[in-house]
Amino acid sequence: MVTFFIALILLIGGYLIYSRVTEKIFCIDDRLTPAIANPDGVDITPLPKWKAFLIELLNIAGTGPIFGAISGALFGPIVFYG
C-alpha cells in the first residue's frame, strides 16, 4: 500500500512538473481555433468540453474490442498446442 501512495505522489508530481516545463518550451498562444474562428455550422463547429471529452474517451475505448478480437484470432490457437 505504501508503494501505491508513493507511485501516486510521483505520478501527480511528475504531471505538475512536466506540464510547467512543456508550457515554457512550447509557449501557449492566444489564437482562436478554426472551430471558433470560422464555424460553418456543418463540419466545423465548436463543441462543449464534455462532448469533446466523451468523443475522445469513446475513441480510446472503441479500439479495445476490435484489437482484442483480432489478437484472439491470431494468438488464440497457440494456447491449445502448448
Protein backbone atom coordinates (compact mmCIF):
# COMPACT_ATOMS: atom_id res chain seq x y z
CA MET A 1 0.00 0.00 0.00
CA VAL A 2 2.90 2.31 0.72
CA THR A 3 4.32 1.77 -2.76
CA PHE A 4 0.93 2.65 -4.25
CA PHE A 5 0.87 6.00 -2.49
CA ILE A 6 4.49 6.69 -3.41
CA ALA A 7 3.71 5.92 -7.06
CA LEU A 8 0.61 8.12 -6.89
CA ILE A 9 2.58 11.03 -5.45
CA LEU A 10 5.29 10.59 -8.11
CA LEU A 11 2.67 10.49 -10.85
CA ILE A 12 0.96 13.68 -9.68
CA GLY A 13 4.27 15.44 -9.07
CA GLY A 14 5.58 14.41 -12.49
CA TYR A 15 2.40 15.66 -14.11
CA LEU A 16 2.70 19.06 -12.46
CA ILE A 17 6.40 19.44 -13.24
CA TYR A 18 6.10 18.18 -16.82
CA SER A 19 3.19 20.49 -17.58
CA ARG A 20 5.16 23.53 -16.44
CA VAL A 21 8.24 22.52 -18.43
CA THR A 22 6.28 21.92 -21.64
CA GLU A 23 4.40 25.19 -21.17
CA LYS A 24 7.70 27.06 -21.03
CA ILE A 25 9.11 25.22 -24.06
CA PHE A 26 6.12 25.42 -26.40
CA CYS A 27 4.53 28.71 -25.21
CA ILE A 28 0.75 28.92 -25.18
CA ASP A 29 -0.61 31.17 -27.92
CA ASP A 30 -3.84 33.18 -27.93
CA ARG A 31 -5.02 32.28 -31.43
CA LEU A 32 -8.57 31.05 -31.89
CA THR A 33 -9.15 27.51 -33.03
CA PRO A 34 -10.68 27.04 -36.51
CA ALA A 35 -13.98 25.92 -34.96
CA ILE A 36 -14.34 29.25 -33.18
CA ALA A 37 -12.75 31.48 -35.84
CA ASN A 38 -14.51 30.01 -38.92
CA PRO A 39 -17.57 27.96 -37.95
CA ASP A 40 -19.71 26.80 -40.85
CA GLY A 41 -22.43 25.09 -38.83
CA VAL A 42 -21.95 21.72 -40.53
CA ASP A 43 -18.43 20.31 -40.32
CA ILE A 44 -16.62 22.93 -38.29
CA THR A 45 -18.50 23.72 -35.08
CA PRO A 46 -17.28 24.30 -31.53
CA LEU A 47 -18.21 21.56 -29.05
CA PRO A 48 -18.76 21.77 -25.32
CA LYS A 49 -15.91 20.30 -23.25
CA TRP A 50 -17.95 17.36 -22.00
CA LYS A 51 -18.83 16.28 -25.55
CA ALA A 52 -15.22 16.55 -26.78
CA PHE A 53 -14.08 14.51 -23.76
CA LEU A 54 -16.72 11.86 -24.44
CA ILE A 55 -15.66 11.57 -28.09
CA GLU A 56 -12.01 11.11 -27.07
CA LEU A 57 -12.98 8.53 -24.44
CA LEU A 58 -15.04 6.56 -26.95
CA ASN A 59 -12.20 6.67 -29.48
CA ILE A 60 -9.86 5.14 -26.90
CA ALA A 61 -12.38 2.60 -25.56
CA GLY A 62 -13.66 1.65 -29.02
CA THR A 63 -10.41 0.04 -30.14
CA GLY A 64 -10.35 -2.46 -27.27
CA PRO A 65 -12.98 -4.89 -28.57
CA ILE A 66 -11.58 -4.72 -32.09
CA PHE A 67 -7.98 -5.23 -31.03
CA GLY A 68 -8.96 -7.98 -28.57
CA ALA A 69 -10.85 -9.96 -31.19
CA ILE A 70 -8.01 -9.69 -33.70
CA SER A 71 -5.44 -10.71 -31.07
CA GLY A 72 -7.58 -13.67 -30.05
CA ALA A 73 -7.92 -14.81 -33.64
CA LEU A 74 -4.19 -14.51 -34.25
CA PHE A 75 -2.78 -15.88 -30.99
CA GLY A 76 -5.66 -17.95 -29.59
CA PRO A 77 -4.90 -21.28 -31.31
CA ILE A 78 -1.34 -21.29 -29.89
CA VAL A 79 -2.77 -21.95 -26.43
CA PHE A 80 -4.06 -25.38 -27.49
CA TYR A 81 -0.62 -26.57 -28.69
CA GLY A 82 1.36 -25.64 -25.56
